[in-house]
Amino acid sequence: MVSVVKRMRALKNKLYALKFGPGGAVLPANITRIHMEFGLKNGKGHVGPTKFWRDNLPRLKYWNPSVPMLVNRSPDDDKLATMSIYLQQSAPGSGKKKAPTSTSTTTPTPTPTETAIAPAAPAPAAAAAAAAPAAETTTDAAAAAATEAKAKQAASRSAWDGSAAAPPPVEGERVVTIDMTHMRSEAILAELVAKTGAVPARPGPEDDDEMAELAAVKRQGAADREQVEAFVRKQKREKALLERARKEADAIKAANAM
């Protein structure tokens, strides 16, 4: 069984490989979602998008977990490989106004005239008739909300059959498109950073120290493995020489016995 320390070291190596490297960048707050569309096969200029999806997109998602990143792989390789970046034009909540707050609340006392002319409570039948349209409105609103939730759930899934096309922008959004056809993954990443203003993720001092320690352990492990392999080769060579000498001695004894 592999020791806990060795497994933890392997896990840290994988984690740092995921955090830092090509694709590790923090997107601005106005990026609402990213949609990629390219073919299932790597021919016809879809090699770069496939490599970007496999190598760079996981790091981008690590640093931006709240940004939906959908992938639509189509069996039709003749289509252009595109990336759609959805940006919010206005900051969320900018048009909202705060409700005025009051430090004290005073309950008005009704005057005798107001008490005398207060309307009587509606009859039960009239109340039920008035509540019926409200119940129907609530049911319709719930059904509409459920339908909208299903549509959002369907639009938030990646697909391998070309069924998850890029949705149109909603109100207050604009779309920036990158044509990834025949582009290398490095060029796709550079254009994404240029068009969104993403900030590349840099390791901190603690991360640098731990990565240096992991690299030193890896180098020491490689040196130890080389030393062990050299020792094993030497043992095998000596064993082969002894076996050869034994066979030659047996052959000499057999020749002298004749």
C-alpha atoms as a PDB file:
ATOM      1  CA  MET A   1       0.000   0.000   0.000  1.00  0.00           C
ATOM      2  CA  VAL A   2       1.292   3.443  -0.914  1.00  0.00           C
ATOM      3  CA  SER A   3       2.103   5.584   2.122  1.00  0.00           C
ATOM      4  CA  VAL A   4      -0.081   8.536   3.066  1.00  0.00           C
ATOM      5  CA  VAL A   5       2.828  10.963   2.641  1.00  0.00           C
ATOM      6  CA  LYS A   6       3.492   9.767  -0.896  1.00  0.00           C
ATOM      7  CA  ARG A   7      -0.174   9.993  -1.841  1.00  0.00           C
ATOM      8  CA  MET A   8      -0.440  13.481  -0.352  1.00  0.00           C
ATOM      9  CA  ARG A   9       2.637  14.558  -2.299  1.00  0.00           C
ATOM     10  CA  ALA A  10       1.135  13.231  -5.532  1.00  0.00           C
ATOM     11  CA  LEU A  11      -2.134  15.037  -4.763  1.00  0.00           C
ATOM     12  CA  LYS A  12      -0.319  18.333  -4.169  1.00  0.00           C
ATOM     13  CA  ASN A  13       1.563  17.970  -7.451  1.00  0.00           C
ATOM     14  CA  LYS A  14      -1.717  17.476  -9.314  1.00  0.00           C
ATOM     15  CA  LEU A  15      -3.325  20.394  -7.489  1.00  0.00           C
ATOM     16  CA  TYR A  16      -0.506  22.801  -8.333  1.00  0.00           C
ATOM     17  CA  ALA A  17      -0.535  21.583 -11.935  1.00  0.00           C
ATOM     18  CA  LEU A  18      -4.240  22.443 -12.034  1.00  0.00           C
ATOM     19  CA  LYS A  19      -3.909  25.846 -10.333  1.00  0.00           C
ATOM     20  CA  PHE A  20      -0.945  27.335 -12.146  1.00  0.00           C
ATOM     21  CA  GLY A  21      -0.104  27.088 -15.811  1.00  0.00           C
ATOM     22  CA  PRO A  22      -1.655  27.997 -19.166  1.00  0.00           C
ATOM     23  CA  GLY A  23      -5.292  28.889 -18.592  1.00  0.00           C
ATOM     24  CA  GLY A  24      -4.980  29.849 -14.938  1.00  0.00           C
ATOM     25  CA  ALA A  25      -6.540  33.324 -14.921  1.00  0.00           C
ATOM     26  CA  VAL A  26      -9.157  35.294 -13.010  1.00  0.00           C
ATOM     27  CA  LEU A  27     -11.937  36.677 -15.203  1.00  0.00           C
ATOM     28  CA  PRO A  28     -13.545  40.084 -14.586  1.00  0.00           C
ATOM     29  CA  ALA A  29     -16.830  40.220 -12.697  1.00  0.00           C
ATOM     30  CA  ASN A  30     -18.810  41.161 -15.819  1.00  0.00           C
ATOM     31  CA  ILE A  31     -18.174  37.794 -17.507  1.00  0.00           C
ATOM     32  CA  THR A  32     -21.408  35.840 -17.103  1.00  0.00           C
ATOM     33  CA  ARG A  33     -20.629  32.644 -19.081  1.00  0.00           C
ATOM     34  CA  ILE A  34     -18.408  31.110 -21.745  1.00  0.00           C
ATOM     35  CA  HIS A  35     -19.549  28.809 -24.540  1.00  0.00           C
ATOM     36  CA  MET A  36     -17.257  26.727 -26.757  1.00  0.00           C
ATOM     37  CA  GLU A  37     -18.284  24.900 -29.910  1.00  0.00           C
ATOM     38  CA  PHE A  38     -16.001  22.658 -31.974  1.00  0.00           C
ATOM     39  CA  GLY A  39     -15.995  19.270 -33.652  1.00  0.00           C
ATOM     40  CA  LEU A  40     -15.650  15.817 -32.178  1.00  0.00           C
ATOM     41  CA  LYS A  41     -12.716  15.072 -34.477  1.00  0.00           C
ATOM     42  CA  ASN A  42      -9.481  17.009 -34.520  1.00  0.00           C
ATOM     43  CA  GLY A  43      -9.379  17.506 -38.269  1.00  0.00           C
ATOM     44  CA  LYS A  44     -10.248  20.648 -40.217  1.00  0.00           C
ATOM     45  CA  GLY A  45      -8.710  23.095 -37.777  1.00  0.00           C
ATOM     46  CA  HIS A  46     -10.178  21.776 -34.523  1.00  0.00           C
ATOM     47  CA  VAL A  47      -6.923  20.554 -32.927  1.00  0.00           C
ATOM     48  CA  GLY A  48      -6.228  23.808 -31.081  1.00  0.00           C
ATOM     49  CA  PRO A  49      -9.741  24.135 -29.602  1.00  0.00           C
ATOM     50  CA  THR A  50      -9.617  20.517 -28.437  1.00  0.00           C
ATOM     51  CA  LYS A  51      -6.277  21.084 -26.724  1.00  0.00           C
ATOM     52  CA  PHE A  52      -7.543  24.316 -25.134  1.00  0.00           C
ATOM     53  CA  TRP A  53     -10.604  22.478 -23.805  1.00  0.00           C
ATOM     54  CA  ARG A  54      -8.503  19.622 -22.437  1.00  0.00           C
ATOM     55  CA  ASP A  55      -5.548  21.565 -20.978  1.00  0.00           C
ATOM     56  CA  ASN A  56      -6.529  25.215 -20.401  1.00  0.00           C
ATOM     57  CA  LEU A  57     -10.243  25.205 -19.633  1.00  0.00           C
ATOM     58  CA  PRO A  58      -9.910  23.181 -16.363  1.00  0.00           C
ATOM     59  CA  ARG A  59      -7.518  25.812 -14.967  1.00  0.00           C
ATOM     60  CA  LEU A  60      -9.817  28.625 -16.081  1.00  0.00           C
ATOM     61  CA  LYS A  61     -12.751  26.906 -14.382  1.00  0.00           C
ATOM     62  CA  TYR A  62     -10.719  26.369 -11.203  1.00  0.00           C
ATOM     63  CA  TRP A  63     -10.170  30.104 -10.788  1.00  0.00           C
ATOM     64  CA  ASN A  64     -13.715  31.032 -11.893  1.00  0.00           C
ATOM     65  CA  PRO A  65     -16.032  28.389 -10.405  1.00  0.00           C
ATOM     66  CA  SER A  66     -19.141  30.594 -10.576  1.00  0.00           C
ATOM     67  CA  VAL A  67     -18.851  31.246 -14.329  1.00  0.00           C
ATOM     68  CA  PRO A  68     -20.694  28.600 -16.401  1.00  0.00           C
ATOM     69  CA  MET A  69     -18.429  27.170 -19.107  1.00  0.00           C
ATOM     70  CA  LEU A  70     -20.315  25.057 -21.618  1.00  0.00           C
ATOM     71  CA  VAL A  71     -18.862  22.899 -24.383  1.00  0.00           C
ATOM     72  CA  ASN A  72     -20.833  21.859 -27.457  1.00  0.00           C
ATOM     73  CA  ARG A  73     -19.007  19.252 -29.525  1.00  0.00           C
ATOM     74  CA  SER A  74     -20.600  18.698 -32.894  1.00  0.00           C
ATOM     75  CA  PRO A  75     -20.158  15.705 -35.218  1.00  0.00           C
ATOM     76  CA  ASP A  76     -20.112  18.194 -38.103  1.00  0.00           C
ATOM     77  CA  ASP A  77     -16.437  19.132 -38.476  1.00  0.00           C
ATOM     78  CA  ASP A  78     -17.187  21.591 -41.280  1.00  0.00           C
ATOM     79  CA  LYS A  79     -18.536  24.146 -38.806  1.00  0.00           C
ATOM     80  CA  LEU A  80     -16.303  26.865 -37.450  1.00  0.00           C
ATOM     81  CA  ALA A  81     -14.834  26.368 -34.004  1.00  0.00           C
ATOM     82  CA  THR A  82     -16.078  29.329 -31.991  1.00  0.00           C
ATOM     83  CA  MET A  83     -15.911  30.635 -28.450  1.00  0.00           C
ATOM     84  CA  SER A  84     -18.706  32.924 -27.246  1.00  0.00           C
ATOM     85  CA  ILE A  85     -17.956  35.124 -24.239  1.00  0.00           C
ATOM     86  CA  TYR A  86     -20.991  36.727 -22.595  1.00  0.00           C
ATOM     87  CA  LEU A  87     -20.365  40.041 -20.855  1.00  0.00           C
ATOM     88  CA  GLN A  88     -22.752  42.010 -18.708  1.00  0.00           C
ATOM     89  CA  GLN A  89     -22.928  45.583 -19.893  1.00  0.00           C
ATOM     90  CA  SER A  90     -24.114  47.112 -16.613  1.00  0.00           C
ATOM     91  CA  ALA A  91     -23.041  46.126 -13.139  1.00  0.00           C
ATOM     92  CA  PRO A  92     -25.611  43.957 -11.351  1.00  0.00           C
ATOM     93  CA  GLY A  93     -27.767  45.885  -8.926  1.00  0.00           C
ATOM     94  CA  SER A  94     -26.728  49.291 -10.264  1.00  0.00           C
ATOM     95  CA  GLY A  95     -30.315  50.255 -11.058  1.00  0.00           C
ATOM     96  CA  LYS A  96     -31.689  49.222  -7.683  1.00  0.00           C
ATOM     97  CA  LYS A  97     -32.442  51.809  -5.072  1.00  0.00           C
ATOM     98  CA  LYS A  98     -32.173  51.175  -1.396  1.00  0.00           C
ATOM     99  CA  ALA A  99     -35.405  51.459   0.549  1.00  0.00           C
ATOM    100  CA  PRO A 100     -35.376  54.303   3.056  1.00  0.00           C
ATOM    101  CA  THR A 101     -34.866  53.160   6.612  1.00  0.00           C
ATOM    102  CA  SER A 102     -36.428  54.810   9.620  1.00  0.00           C
ATOM    103  CA  THR A 103     -35.067  54.782  13.119  1.00  0.00           C
ATOM    104  CA  SER A 104     -38.451  54.986  14.833  1.00  0.00           C
ATOM    105  CA  THR A 105     -41.910  53.674  14.060  1.00  0.00           C
ATOM    106  CA  THR A 106     -45.063  55.427  15.200  1.00  0.00           C
ATOM    107  CA  THR A 107     -48.422  53.682  15.041  1.00  0.00           C
ATOM    108  CA  PRO A 108     -51.156  56.194  14.177  1.00  0.00           C
ATOM    109  CA  THR A 109     -54.188  56.217  16.437  1.00  0.00           C
ATOM    110  CA  PRO A 110     -57.475  56.158  14.506  1.00  0.00           C
ATOM    111  CA  THR A 111     -59.817  59.025  15.151  1.00  0.00           C
ATOM    112  CA  PRO A 112     -63.421  58.392  16.166  1.00  0.00           C
ATOM    113  CA  THR A 113     -64.578  59.446  12.694  1.00  0.00           C
ATOM    114  CA  GLU A 114     -62.248  56.958  11.003  1.00  0.00           C
ATOM    115  CA  THR A 115     -63.437  54.248  13.380  1.00  0.00           C
ATOM    116  CA  ALA A 116     -67.038  55.005  12.618  1.00  0.00           C
ATOM    117  CA  ILE A 117     -66.652  54.884   8.830  1.00  0.00           C
ATOM    118  CA  ALA A 118     -64.369  51.817   8.713  1.00  0.00           C
ATOM    119  CA  PRO A 119     -65.646  49.355   6.087  1.00  0.00           C
ATOM    120  CA  ALA A 120     -67.154  46.120   7.253  1.00  0.00           C
ATOM    121  CA  ALA A 121     -65.360  42.825   6.704  1.00  0.00           C
ATOM    122  CA  PRO A 122     -66.271  41.153   3.405  1.00  0.00           C
ATOM    123  CA  ALA A 123     -68.583  38.185   3.451  1.00  0.00           C
ATOM    124  CA  PRO A 124     -67.007  34.688   3.188  1.00  0.00           C
ATOM    125  CA  ALA A 125     -68.432  34.118  -0.294  1.00  0.00           C
ATOM    126  CA  ALA A 126     -67.087  37.419  -1.576  1.00  0.00           C
ATOM    127  CA  ALA A 127     -63.681  36.707  -0.033  1.00  0.00           C
ATOM    128  CA  ALA A 128     -63.534  33.298  -1.715  1.00  0.00           C
ATOM    129  CA  ALA A 129     -64.490  34.808  -5.067  1.00  0.00           C
ATOM    130  CA  ALA A 130     -61.772  37.420  -4.717  1.00  0.00           C
ATOM    131  CA  ALA A 131     -59.166  34.806  -3.741  1.00  0.00           C
ATOM    132  CA  ALA A 132     -59.872  32.541  -6.744  1.00  0.00           C
ATOM    133  CA  PRO A 133     -58.189  34.773  -9.386  1.00  0.00           C
ATOM    134  CA  ALA A 134     -55.222  35.250  -7.062  1.00  0.00           C
ATOM    135  CA  ALA A 135     -54.822  31.470  -6.717  1.00  0.00           C
ATOM    136  CA  GLU A 136     -54.992  31.039 -10.497  1.00  0.00           C
ATOM    137  CA  THR A 137     -52.374  33.761 -10.944  1.00  0.00           C
ATOM    138  CA  THR A 138     -50.103  32.039  -8.405  1.00  0.00           C
ATOM    139  CA  THR A 139     -50.502  28.692 -10.205  1.00  0.00           C
ATOM    140  CA  ASP A 140     -49.695  30.250 -13.582  1.00  0.00           C
ATOM    141  CA  ALA A 141     -46.636  31.990 -12.133  1.00  0.00           C
ATOM    142  CA  ALA A 142     -45.421  28.725 -10.591  1.00  0.00           C
ATOM    143  CA  ALA A 143     -45.867  26.894 -13.902  1.00  0.00           C
ATOM    144  CA  ALA A 144     -44.007  29.636 -15.767  1.00  0.00           C
ATOM    145  CA  ALA A 145     -41.201  29.541 -13.205  1.00  0.00           C
ATOM    146  CA  ALA A 146     -40.937  25.755 -13.537  1.00  0.00           C
ATOM    147  CA  THR A 147     -40.796  26.010 -17.338  1.00  0.00           C
ATOM    148  CA  GLU A 148     -38.127  28.700 -17.135  1.00  0.00           C
ATOM    149  CA  ALA A 149     -36.118  26.598 -14.677  1.00  0.00           C
ATOM    150  CA  LYS A 150     -36.248  23.603 -17.030  1.00  0.00           C
ATOM    151  CA  ALA A 151     -35.136  25.773 -19.954  1.00  0.00           C
ATOM    152  CA  LYS A 152     -32.230  27.164 -17.921  1.00  0.00           C
ATOM    153  CA  GLN A 153     -31.221  23.663 -16.854  1.00  0.00           C
ATOM    154  CA  ALA A 154     -31.271  22.445 -20.462  1.00  0.00           C
ATOM    155  CA  ALA A 155     -29.231  25.470 -21.553  1.00  0.00           C
ATOM    156  CA  SER A 156     -26.648  24.893 -18.812  1.00  0.00           C
ATOM    157  CA  ARG A 157     -25.491  21.480 -20.045  1.00  0.00           C
ATOM    158  CA  SER A 158     -22.674  20.584 -22.357  1.00  0.00           C
ATOM    159  CA  ALA A 159     -23.397  18.226 -25.239  1.00  0.00           C
ATOM    160  CA  TRP A 160     -21.543  15.794 -27.493  1.00  0.00           C
ATOM    161  CA  ASP A 161     -24.140  15.733 -30.260  1.00  0.00           C
ATOM    162  CA  GLY A 162     -24.228  19.419 -31.197  1.00  0.00           C
ATOM    163  CA  SER A 163     -27.491  20.073 -29.342  1.00  0.00           C
ATOM    164  CA  ALA A 164     -26.109  22.693 -26.911  1.00  0.00           C
ATOM    165  CA  ALA A 165     -25.793  25.637 -29.284  1.00  0.00           C
ATOM    166  CA  ALA A 166     -24.752  29.037 -27.990  1.00  0.00           C
ATOM    167  CA  PRO A 167     -27.836  30.746 -26.516  1.00  0.00           C
ATOM    168  CA  PRO A 168     -28.704  34.322 -27.483  1.00  0.00           C
ATOM    169  CA  PRO A 169     -27.663  37.018 -25.025  1.00  0.00           C
ATOM    170  CA  VAL A 170     -30.226  38.134 -22.492  1.00  0.00           C
ATOM    171  CA  GLU A 171     -31.104  41.743 -21.824  1.00  0.00           C
ATOM    172  CA  GLY A 172     -28.056  43.647 -20.645  1.00  0.00           C
ATOM    173  CA  GLU A 173     -25.558  41.205 -22.160  1.00  0.00           C
ATOM    174  CA  ARG A 174     -23.300  41.370 -25.179  1.00  0.00           C
ATOM    175  CA  VAL A 175     -21.352  38.571 -26.830  1.00  0.00           C
ATOM    176  CA  VAL A 176     -17.712  38.587 -27.904  1.00  0.00           C
ATOM    177  CA  THR A 177     -16.896  35.786 -30.361  1.00  0.00           C
ATOM    178  CA  ILE A 178     -13.501  34.210 -31.042  1.00  0.00           C
ATOM    179  CA  ASP A 179     -13.007  32.143 -34.193  1.00  0.00           C
ATOM    180  CA  MET A 180     -10.803  29.292 -32.935  1.00  0.00           C
ATOM    181  CA  THR A 181     -10.544  27.451 -36.257  1.00  0.00           C
ATOM    182  CA  HIS A 182      -6.919  26.640 -37.159  1.00  0.00           C
ATOM    183  CA  MET A 183      -5.693  28.429 -34.019  1.00  0.00           C
ATOM    184  CA  ARG A 184      -3.242  26.978 -31.533  1.00  0.00           C
ATOM    185  CA  SER A 185      -4.318  26.692 -27.916  1.00  0.00           C
ATOM    186  CA  GLU A 186      -1.769  29.353 -26.905  1.00  0.00           C
ATOM    187  CA  ALA A 187      -3.239  31.826 -29.411  1.00  0.00           C
ATOM    188  CA  ILE A 188      -6.779  31.085 -28.210  1.00  0.00           C
ATOM    189  CA  LEU A 189      -5.750  31.766 -24.624  1.00  0.00           C
ATOM    190  CA  ALA A 190      -3.959  34.990 -25.588  1.00  0.00           C
ATOM    191  CA  GLU A 191      -7.023  36.289 -27.440  1.00  0.00           C
ATOM    192  CA  LEU A 192      -9.302  35.324 -24.552  1.00  0.00           C
ATOM    193  CA  VAL A 193      -7.128  37.270 -22.105  1.00  0.00           C
ATOM    194  CA  ALA A 194      -6.923  40.249 -24.475  1.00  0.00           C
ATOM    195  CA  LYS A 195     -10.683  40.460 -25.059  1.00  0.00           C
ATOM    196  CA  THR A 196     -11.777  39.900 -21.460  1.00  0.00           C
ATOM    197  CA  GLY A 197      -8.995  41.543 -19.476  1.00  0.00           C
ATOM    198  CA  ALA A 198      -8.401  38.386 -17.435  1.00  0.00           C
ATOM    199  CA  VAL A 199      -5.568  38.494 -14.903  1.00  0.00           C
ATOM    200  CA  PRO A 200      -3.168  35.503 -14.951  1.00  0.00           C
ATOM    201  CA  ALA A 201      -2.977  33.676 -11.628  1.00  0.00           C
ATOM    202  CA  ARG A 202       0.429  33.854  -9.960  1.00  0.00           C
ATOM    203  CA  PRO A 203       1.621  31.639  -7.104  1.00  0.00           C
ATOM    204  CA  GLY A 204       2.235  33.311  -3.771  1.00  0.00           C
ATOM    205  CA  PRO A 205       5.369  32.984  -1.613  1.00  0.00           C
ATOM    206  CA  GLU A 206       3.999  29.951   0.247  1.00  0.00           C
ATOM    207  CA  ASP A 207       3.061  28.283  -3.028  1.00  0.00           C
ATOM    208  CA  ASP A 208       6.545  28.960  -4.419  1.00  0.00           C
ATOM    209  CA  ASP A 209       8.172  27.409  -1.346  1.00  0.00           C
ATOM    210  CA  GLU A 210       5.976  24.320  -1.413  1.00  0.00           C
ATOM    211  CA  MET A 211       6.386  23.836  -5.168  1.00  0.00           C
ATOM    212  CA  ALA A 212      10.170  24.156  -4.770  1.00  0.00           C
ATOM    213  CA  GLU A 213      10.061  21.541  -2.011  1.00  0.00           C
ATOM    214  CA  LEU A 214       7.977  19.191  -4.151  1.00  0.00           C
ATOM    215  CA  ALA A 215      10.360  19.695  -7.084  1.00  0.00           C
ATOM    216  CA  ALA A 216      13.351  18.917  -4.841  1.00  0.00           C
ATOM    217  CA  VAL A 217      11.677  15.727  -3.613  1.00  0.00           C
ATOM    218  CA  LYS A 218      10.943  14.766  -7.218  1.00  0.00           C
ATOM    219  CA  ARG A 219      14.578  15.306  -8.246  1.00  0.00           C
ATOM    220  CA  GLN A 220      15.814  13.325  -5.253  1.00  0.00           C
ATOM    221  CA  GLY A 221      13.397  10.534  -6.102  1.00  0.00           C
ATOM    222  CA  ALA A 222      14.679  10.412  -9.679  1.00  0.00           C
ATOM    223  CA  ALA A 223      18.288  10.229  -8.421  1.00  0.00           C
ATOM    224  CA  ASP A 224      17.386   7.457  -5.966  1.00  0.00           C
ATOM    225  CA  ARG A 225      15.606   5.462  -8.668  1.00  0.00           C
ATOM    226  CA  GLU A 226      18.616   5.776 -10.957  1.00  0.00           C
ATOM    227  CA  GLN A 227      20.901   4.566  -8.174  1.00  0.00           C
ATOM    228  CA  VAL A 228      18.661   1.594  -7.408  1.00  0.00           C
ATOM    229  CA  GLU A 229      18.399   0.700 -11.098  1.00  0.00           C
ATOM    230  CA  ALA A 230      22.206   0.809 -11.410  1.00  0.00           C
ATOM    231  CA  PHE A 231      22.533  -1.483  -8.385  1.00  0.00           C
ATOM    232  CA  VAL A 232      19.993  -3.932  -9.816  1.00  0.00           C
ATOM    233  CA  ARG A 233      21.784  -3.964 -13.183  1.00  0.00           C
ATOM    234  CA  LYS A 234      25.077  -4.662 -11.410  1.00  0.00           C
ATOM    235  CA  GLN A 235      23.531  -7.536  -9.456  1.00  0.00           C
ATOM    236  CA  LYS A 236      22.083  -9.059 -12.621  1.00  0.00           C
ATOM    237  CA  ARG A 237      25.409  -8.704 -14.436  1.00  0.00           C
ATOM    238  CA  GLU A 238      27.322 -10.397 -11.599  1.00  0.00           C
ATOM    239  CA  LYS A 239      24.745 -13.155 -11.436  1.00  0.00           C
ATOM    240  CA  ALA A 240      25.041 -13.739 -15.184  1.00  0.00           C
ATOM    241  CA  LEU A 241      28.868 -13.896 -14.915  1.00  0.00           C
ATOM    242  CA  LEU A 242      28.675 -16.427 -12.073  1.00  0.00           C
ATOM    243  CA  GLU A 243      26.218 -18.534 -14.028  1.00  0.00           C
ATOM    244  CA  ARG A 244      28.475 -18.434 -17.073  1.00  0.00           C
ATOM    245  CA  ALA A 245      31.548 -19.406 -15.006  1.00  0.00           C
ATOM    246  CA  ARG A 246      29.610 -22.269 -13.438  1.00  0.00           C
ATOM    247  CA  LYS A 247      28.592 -23.590 -16.840  1.00  0.00           C
ATOM    248  CA  GLU A 248      32.174 -23.371 -18.108  1.00  0.00           C
ATOM    249  CA  ALA A 249      33.430 -25.234 -15.035  1.00  0.00           C
ATOM    250  CA  ASP A 250      30.841 -27.955 -15.545  1.00  0.00           C
ATOM    251  CA  ALA A 251      31.864 -28.249 -19.194  1.00  0.00           C
ATOM    252  CA  ILE A 252      35.557 -28.594 -18.235  1.00  0.00           C
ATOM    253  CA  LYS A 253      34.715 -31.272 -15.664  1.00  0.00           C
ATOM    254  CA  ALA A 254      32.661 -33.180 -18.219  1.00  0.00           C
ATOM    255  CA  ALA A 255      35.518 -32.989 -20.759  1.00  0.00           C
ATOM    256  CA  ASN A 256      38.098 -34.239 -18.223  1.00  0.00           C
ATOM    257  CA  ALA A 257      35.877 -37.135 -17.232  1.00  0.00           C
ATOM    258  CA  MET A 258      35.923 -38.563 -20.755  1.00  0.00           C
END
